[in-house]
Amino acid sequence: MTAVAMYVSDFETVAGPTAEEKAWAIAATVCDPEIPVLTIEDLGILRSVRLFDDGGLVPALQVTITPTYSGCPAMDAIRDDLKAAFQKEGYPSVHVELVLAPAWTTDWMTDAGKAKLREYGIAPPSGRAAAGGHSGPVRLGLAVKCPQCSSLNTKELTRFGSTSCKALYVCQDCREPFDYFKVL
C-alpha cells in the first residue's frame, strides 16, 4: 500500500499513516480480557494486520495473534473484540488467525505494558525467556519485586496464580500478596 500525502503548507507535504498502520492502531486498542489494563499490543500477542481485496467496497482484514499459551481461554474473547473494534470503524470483513509458532514469549511484551502491569499491582516478568537465552546448564532465579512497596523480599506461594501466565507471591515486608507475570 502507498502512503497518503497530507497537505501541510504550500511548500511541503507529509506522508500520513498507511491503511495498514491505521488498521494496526485499531487492533492495538483491544484489551486483554484477563488483564484489562493491557492491550494485545502491550502483551505482544498482536503479530500482524494485513489488508487485502476480497471484492468488497472496503478492504478485508487479516489479523494474526499468538496466544500466551496454546490453551488460553481469552483467545475467543479477543477474537470477538477485534471483530467488534473493526466493525465499529467500518471494516465488515475481518479474519482473525491464531498462530502458535513461534510460541509467544514475555520478551514480546512492551516496556509500556510491563509498566502498566506494575501500576495495576502485578509484578511484570523479570529477565528474559529461557528459549535461547542461556548458554549453560545453570539457571539463576531472579528476585521478584513487590509492585506495592518495591521490596525484593518476596516469596512464591504457588507457581500457578489466577491464570496460567501468573504465579502468586507475597511480600515479606509489606505482607501483601500479588500476582507475578511469569517469564515464559
Protein backbone atom coordinates (compact mmCIF):
# COMPACT_ATOMS: atom_id res chain seq x y z
CA MET A 1 0.00 0.00 0.00
CA THR A 2 1.17 3.52 -0.61
CA ALA A 3 1.13 6.30 1.96
CA VAL A 4 -1.37 9.10 1.53
CA ALA A 5 0.17 12.58 1.38
CA MET A 6 -1.44 15.09 3.71
CA TYR A 7 -1.40 18.82 2.90
CA VAL A 8 0.75 20.81 5.36
CA SER A 9 1.55 24.05 3.53
CA ASP A 10 2.24 25.37 0.05
CA PHE A 11 5.81 24.14 0.37
CA GLU A 12 5.68 20.70 1.94
CA THR A 13 3.63 17.55 2.35
CA VAL A 14 3.90 14.86 4.97
CA ALA A 15 3.11 11.21 4.34
CA GLY A 16 0.19 10.12 6.51
CA PRO A 17 -0.24 6.71 8.03
CA THR A 18 -0.87 3.86 5.63
CA ALA A 19 -4.14 1.97 5.69
CA GLU A 20 -2.37 -0.96 7.37
CA GLU A 21 -0.90 1.35 10.02
CA LYS A 22 -4.41 2.69 10.71
CA ALA A 23 -5.73 -0.87 10.94
CA TRP A 24 -2.89 -1.82 13.32
CA ALA A 25 -3.81 1.18 15.51
CA ILE A 26 -7.41 -0.08 15.70
CA ALA A 27 -6.30 -3.60 16.65
CA ALA A 28 -3.86 -2.17 19.21
CA THR A 29 -6.77 -0.68 21.19
CA VAL A 30 -8.20 -4.12 22.04
CA CYS A 31 -7.58 -5.01 25.69
CA ASP A 32 -6.72 -8.36 27.19
CA PRO A 33 -9.90 -9.62 28.92
CA GLU A 34 -7.93 -11.15 31.82
CA ILE A 35 -5.76 -8.08 32.47
CA PRO A 36 -7.82 -5.16 31.14
CA VAL A 37 -5.09 -2.54 31.62
CA LEU A 38 -3.06 -4.26 28.88
CA THR A 39 -3.77 -4.07 25.19
CA ILE A 40 -2.97 -7.01 22.95
CA GLU A 41 -0.16 -4.85 21.56
CA ASP A 42 1.25 -4.29 25.08
CA LEU A 43 1.17 -8.05 25.64
CA GLY A 44 2.89 -8.74 22.34
CA ILE A 45 0.23 -11.13 21.07
CA LEU A 46 -0.75 -8.86 18.15
CA ARG A 47 1.55 -10.13 15.40
CA SER A 48 0.28 -8.58 12.16
CA VAL A 49 -2.57 -6.76 10.47
CA ARG A 50 -2.89 -7.09 6.71
CA LEU A 51 -5.43 -5.62 4.31
CA PHE A 52 -6.48 -7.48 1.19
CA ASP A 53 -9.11 -7.11 -1.51
CA ASP A 54 -11.90 -9.66 -1.24
CA GLY A 55 -14.09 -7.91 -3.81
CA GLY A 56 -15.99 -5.78 -1.29
CA LEU A 57 -16.20 -2.00 -1.12
CA VAL A 58 -13.96 -1.92 1.95
CA PRO A 59 -10.73 -3.93 2.14
CA ALA A 60 -10.88 -7.12 4.18
CA LEU A 61 -8.53 -7.61 7.11
CA GLN A 62 -6.37 -10.49 8.26
CA VAL A 63 -5.29 -10.08 11.90
CA THR A 64 -2.76 -12.52 13.29
CA ILE A 65 -2.46 -13.12 17.02
CA THR A 66 -0.40 -15.54 19.09
CA PRO A 67 -1.84 -16.74 22.41
CA THR A 68 0.25 -16.54 25.56
CA TYR A 69 -0.14 -20.32 25.73
CA SER A 70 -1.89 -22.80 23.45
CA GLY A 71 -4.96 -23.31 25.63
CA CYS A 72 -5.52 -19.66 26.56
CA PRO A 73 -9.28 -19.21 27.13
CA ALA A 74 -9.08 -15.46 26.38
CA MET A 75 -8.50 -16.00 22.65
CA ASP A 76 -12.21 -16.30 21.81
CA ALA A 77 -12.96 -13.04 23.63
CA ILE A 78 -10.01 -11.30 21.94
CA ARG A 79 -11.17 -12.54 18.52
CA ASP A 80 -14.68 -11.19 19.17
CA ASP A 81 -13.31 -7.87 20.49
CA LEU A 82 -11.09 -7.45 17.42
CA LYS A 83 -14.01 -8.05 15.07
CA ALA A 84 -16.18 -5.60 17.03
CA ALA A 85 -13.45 -2.91 17.02
CA PHE A 86 -13.01 -3.19 13.26
CA GLN A 87 -16.74 -3.31 12.51
CA LYS A 88 -17.17 -0.14 14.58
CA GLU A 89 -14.58 1.51 12.29
CA GLY A 90 -16.30 0.31 9.10
CA TYR A 91 -14.43 -2.92 8.32
CA PRO A 92 -17.12 -5.60 7.94
CA SER A 93 -14.79 -8.42 6.84
CA VAL A 94 -12.22 -9.41 9.47
CA HIS A 95 -10.46 -12.76 9.72
CA VAL A 96 -8.54 -13.41 12.94
CA GLU A 97 -5.87 -16.06 12.62
CA LEU A 98 -4.41 -17.79 15.66
CA VAL A 99 -0.75 -18.70 15.17
CA LEU A 100 1.06 -20.95 17.67
CA ALA A 101 4.55 -20.84 16.15
CA PRO A 102 6.75 -19.23 17.09
CA ALA A 103 5.45 -19.61 20.61
CA TRP A 104 4.69 -16.40 22.49
CA THR A 105 7.27 -15.21 24.98
CA THR A 106 7.22 -12.50 27.62
CA ASP A 107 10.12 -10.99 25.68
CA TRP A 108 7.46 -9.72 23.25
CA MET A 109 5.77 -7.59 25.94
CA THR A 110 6.35 -3.86 25.54
CA ASP A 111 8.06 -1.79 28.22
CA ALA A 112 4.83 0.23 28.44
CA GLY A 113 2.91 -3.00 29.06
CA LYS A 114 5.28 -4.02 31.85
CA ALA A 115 4.87 -0.58 33.45
CA LYS A 116 1.06 -0.93 33.22
CA LEU A 117 1.26 -4.32 34.96
CA ARG A 118 3.32 -2.82 37.79
CA GLU A 119 0.86 0.08 38.22
CA TYR A 120 -2.04 -2.41 38.26
CA GLY A 121 -0.41 -4.37 41.08
CA ILE A 122 1.02 -7.29 39.09
CA ALA A 123 4.77 -7.79 39.10
CA PRO A 124 5.93 -7.81 35.45
CA PRO A 125 8.20 -10.57 34.17
CA SER A 126 11.79 -10.11 35.22
CA GLY A 127 14.55 -11.31 32.96
CA ARG A 128 14.34 -12.85 29.55
CA ALA A 129 12.71 -16.09 28.45
CA ALA A 130 14.75 -19.27 28.64
CA ALA A 131 14.47 -20.15 24.95
CA GLY A 132 17.90 -19.47 23.52
CA GLY A 133 18.75 -17.08 26.32
CA HIS A 134 21.05 -19.35 28.33
CA SER A 135 24.31 -20.88 27.22
CA GLY A 136 24.93 -23.17 30.19
CA PRO A 137 23.06 -25.59 32.41
CA VAL A 138 22.98 -23.28 35.46
CA ARG A 139 19.84 -21.12 35.76
CA LEU A 140 19.60 -18.45 38.39
CA GLY A 141 16.30 -17.30 39.77
CA LEU A 142 15.82 -13.54 39.89
CA ALA A 143 14.09 -11.88 42.81
CA VAL A 144 10.56 -10.68 42.10
CA LYS A 145 9.97 -7.07 43.10
CA CYS A 146 6.79 -6.30 45.02
CA PRO A 147 4.58 -3.98 42.93
CA GLN A 148 3.23 -2.37 46.14
CA CYS A 149 6.41 -1.39 48.03
CA SER A 150 9.23 -2.34 45.59
CA SER A 151 10.81 -4.74 48.09
CA LEU A 152 12.80 -7.70 46.78
CA ASN A 153 12.00 -9.63 49.96
CA THR A 154 9.26 -11.70 48.31
CA LYS A 155 8.30 -15.36 48.33
CA GLU A 156 6.44 -17.54 45.86
CA LEU A 157 3.30 -19.02 47.40
CA THR A 158 2.22 -21.05 44.38
CA ARG A 159 3.58 -21.44 40.86
CA PHE A 160 0.09 -21.10 39.40
CA GLY A 161 -1.94 -17.98 40.13
CA SER A 162 -5.22 -16.62 38.83
CA THR A 163 -4.19 -17.56 35.27
CA SER A 164 -1.57 -19.96 33.93
CA CYS A 165 0.63 -16.99 32.98
CA LYS A 166 0.93 -15.82 36.58
CA ALA A 167 2.31 -17.09 39.90
CA LEU A 168 1.13 -15.97 43.33
CA TYR A 169 3.71 -14.23 45.55
CA VAL A 170 3.67 -12.49 48.91
CA CYS A 171 5.88 -9.62 50.03
CA GLN A 172 7.66 -10.38 53.29
CA ASP A 173 7.95 -6.65 54.10
CA CYS A 174 4.51 -5.15 53.38
CA ARG A 175 2.82 -8.60 53.72
CA GLU A 176 0.70 -8.03 50.59
CA PRO A 177 0.03 -10.90 48.19
CA PHE A 178 0.43 -10.17 44.49
CA ASP A 179 0.46 -11.84 41.11
CA TYR A 180 3.73 -12.18 39.20
CA PHE A 181 3.56 -12.47 35.42
CA LYS A 182 5.93 -15.40 34.84
CA VAL A 183 8.80 -15.27 32.36
CA LEU A 184 7.74 -17.57 29.54
